[in-house]
Amino acid sequence: SLKSSVMDYFSVTSLHFLHLGVEGVKHFVFIFNAIIGQINSSSTSELNTVWANILFKGGDKDREHDRSYRTISCCPIVAKALDSYMVELYDGGWSAVQASTQFQGSNSSHVLASLCVT
């Protein structure tokens, strides 16, 4: 579910790993498994660096309404992969218990992975 051409915080895309062929995919899997195997390392700044910006959607949207804005965020590709993996594992359970005011469902927040880990 990762978009192949979207750059992460460090200007890396999943295509960087894919263009390396089998060895690139093995390397990515090694990094990913190392993070899962050593979950304490998930607090490193290289994994948890995020840039976010709130943008006004424009047009005739009401500037006073929260739905008139969109958040654009950028985080490391390994964090995106961890997010996707955790969502696959726990989305059903999380969706069943989240409040209607929360926007942390599937494909809407990278915070979901950290919530699932904790």
Protein backbone atom coordinates (compact mmCIF):
# COMPACT_ATOMS: atom_id res chain seq x y z
CA SER A 1 0.00 0.00 0.00
CA LEU A 2 3.04 2.30 -0.02
CA LYS A 3 3.09 4.67 -2.96
CA SER A 4 6.25 3.83 -4.86
CA SER A 5 7.13 7.33 -6.05
CA VAL A 6 6.40 9.29 -2.86
CA MET A 7 9.56 10.39 -1.08
CA ASP A 8 9.95 10.00 2.65
CA TYR A 9 11.55 12.41 5.10
CA PHE A 10 15.02 11.39 3.92
CA SER A 11 14.11 11.58 0.18
CA VAL A 12 13.91 7.79 -0.12
CA THR A 13 11.11 5.97 -1.93
CA SER A 14 10.19 2.30 -1.98
CA LEU A 15 11.47 2.34 -5.57
CA HIS A 16 15.00 2.87 -4.23
CA PHE A 17 14.81 -0.56 -2.64
CA LEU A 18 12.95 -2.15 -5.53
CA HIS A 19 15.45 -0.91 -8.14
CA LEU A 20 18.21 -2.66 -6.19
CA GLY A 21 16.49 -5.94 -7.03
CA VAL A 22 16.39 -8.92 -4.73
CA GLU A 23 19.25 -7.59 -2.58
CA GLY A 24 17.44 -4.27 -2.06
CA VAL A 25 14.27 -6.03 -0.94
CA LYS A 26 16.30 -8.31 1.35
CA HIS A 27 17.98 -5.26 2.86
CA PHE A 28 14.64 -3.54 3.48
CA VAL A 29 13.22 -6.72 5.05
CA PHE A 30 16.34 -6.98 7.24
CA ILE A 31 15.87 -3.38 8.49
CA PHE A 32 12.16 -3.92 9.03
CA ASN A 33 12.64 -7.19 10.93
CA ALA A 34 15.41 -5.64 13.04
CA ILE A 35 13.01 -2.92 14.16
CA ILE A 36 10.26 -5.41 14.98
CA GLY A 37 12.72 -7.76 16.71
CA GLN A 38 14.20 -4.94 18.76
CA ILE A 39 11.06 -2.91 19.41
CA ASN A 40 12.97 -0.74 21.87
CA SER A 41 14.85 0.66 18.87
CA SER A 42 11.56 2.07 17.60
CA SER A 43 12.27 5.18 19.65
CA THR A 44 15.26 6.21 17.52
CA SER A 45 15.00 9.61 15.89
CA GLU A 46 15.67 8.14 12.42
CA LEU A 47 12.42 6.19 12.69
CA ASN A 48 10.36 8.84 14.47
CA THR A 49 11.26 11.95 12.51
CA VAL A 50 8.13 13.51 11.03
CA TRP A 51 7.47 16.69 9.12
CA ALA A 52 3.88 17.85 9.02
CA ASN A 53 2.09 20.86 7.61
CA ILE A 54 -1.55 21.87 7.80
CA LEU A 55 -2.85 23.28 4.53
CA PHE A 56 -6.06 25.17 3.81
CA LYS A 57 -7.98 23.33 1.08
CA GLY A 58 -8.90 26.62 -0.57
CA GLY A 59 -11.83 27.48 -2.76
CA ASP A 60 -14.97 28.53 -0.97
CA LYS A 61 -14.14 26.52 2.18
CA ASP A 62 -14.87 28.18 5.50
CA ARG A 63 -11.53 29.05 7.12
CA GLU A 64 -13.13 28.61 10.56
CA HIS A 65 -14.15 24.97 9.96
CA ASP A 66 -11.76 22.13 10.82
CA ARG A 67 -12.75 20.16 7.71
CA SER A 68 -11.40 23.00 5.53
CA TYR A 69 -7.83 21.90 6.27
CA ARG A 70 -5.72 18.90 5.36
CA THR A 71 -2.58 17.62 7.05
CA ILE A 72 0.35 16.68 4.88
CA SER A 73 2.93 14.61 6.72
CA CYS A 74 6.18 13.00 5.77
CA CYS A 75 8.00 10.32 7.74
CA PRO A 76 10.68 7.69 7.01
CA ILE A 77 9.69 4.87 4.65
CA VAL A 78 10.42 2.27 7.32
CA ALA A 79 7.92 4.03 9.62
CA LYS A 80 5.36 4.00 6.79
CA ALA A 81 5.95 0.28 6.28
CA LEU A 82 5.60 -0.36 10.03
CA ASP A 83 2.37 1.64 10.00
CA SER A 84 0.98 -0.43 7.11
CA TYR A 85 2.02 -3.68 8.78
CA MET A 86 0.48 -2.76 12.13
CA VAL A 87 -2.73 -1.65 10.44
CA GLU A 88 -2.96 -5.02 8.67
CA LEU A 89 -2.57 -6.81 11.98
CA TYR A 90 -4.84 -4.71 14.18
CA ASP A 91 -7.16 -2.58 12.03
CA GLY A 92 -10.30 -4.58 12.76
CA GLY A 93 -9.88 -4.37 16.52
CA TRP A 94 -8.84 -0.73 16.50
CA SER A 95 -11.69 0.33 14.21
CA ALA A 96 -14.19 -1.43 16.45
CA VAL A 97 -13.21 0.60 19.53
CA GLN A 98 -12.25 4.04 18.25
CA ALA A 99 -14.53 6.99 18.87
CA SER A 100 -16.30 8.57 15.92
CA THR A 101 -14.32 11.77 16.54
CA GLN A 102 -10.97 10.02 15.98
CA PHE A 103 -9.34 10.05 12.56
CA GLN A 104 -6.90 7.22 13.09
CA GLY A 105 -8.39 4.49 10.96
CA SER A 106 -6.82 2.63 8.09
CA ASN A 107 -4.75 4.84 5.77
CA SER A 108 -5.48 8.02 7.67
CA SER A 109 -2.76 8.28 10.30
CA HIS A 110 0.81 7.14 10.86
CA VAL A 111 0.04 7.44 14.56
CA LEU A 112 -2.00 4.23 14.33
CA ALA A 113 1.13 2.05 14.36
CA SER A 114 2.41 3.62 17.56
CA LEU A 115 -1.02 3.22 19.15
CA CYS A 116 -1.09 -0.45 18.19
CA VAL A 117 2.45 -1.07 19.48
CA THR A 118 1.55 0.45 22.85
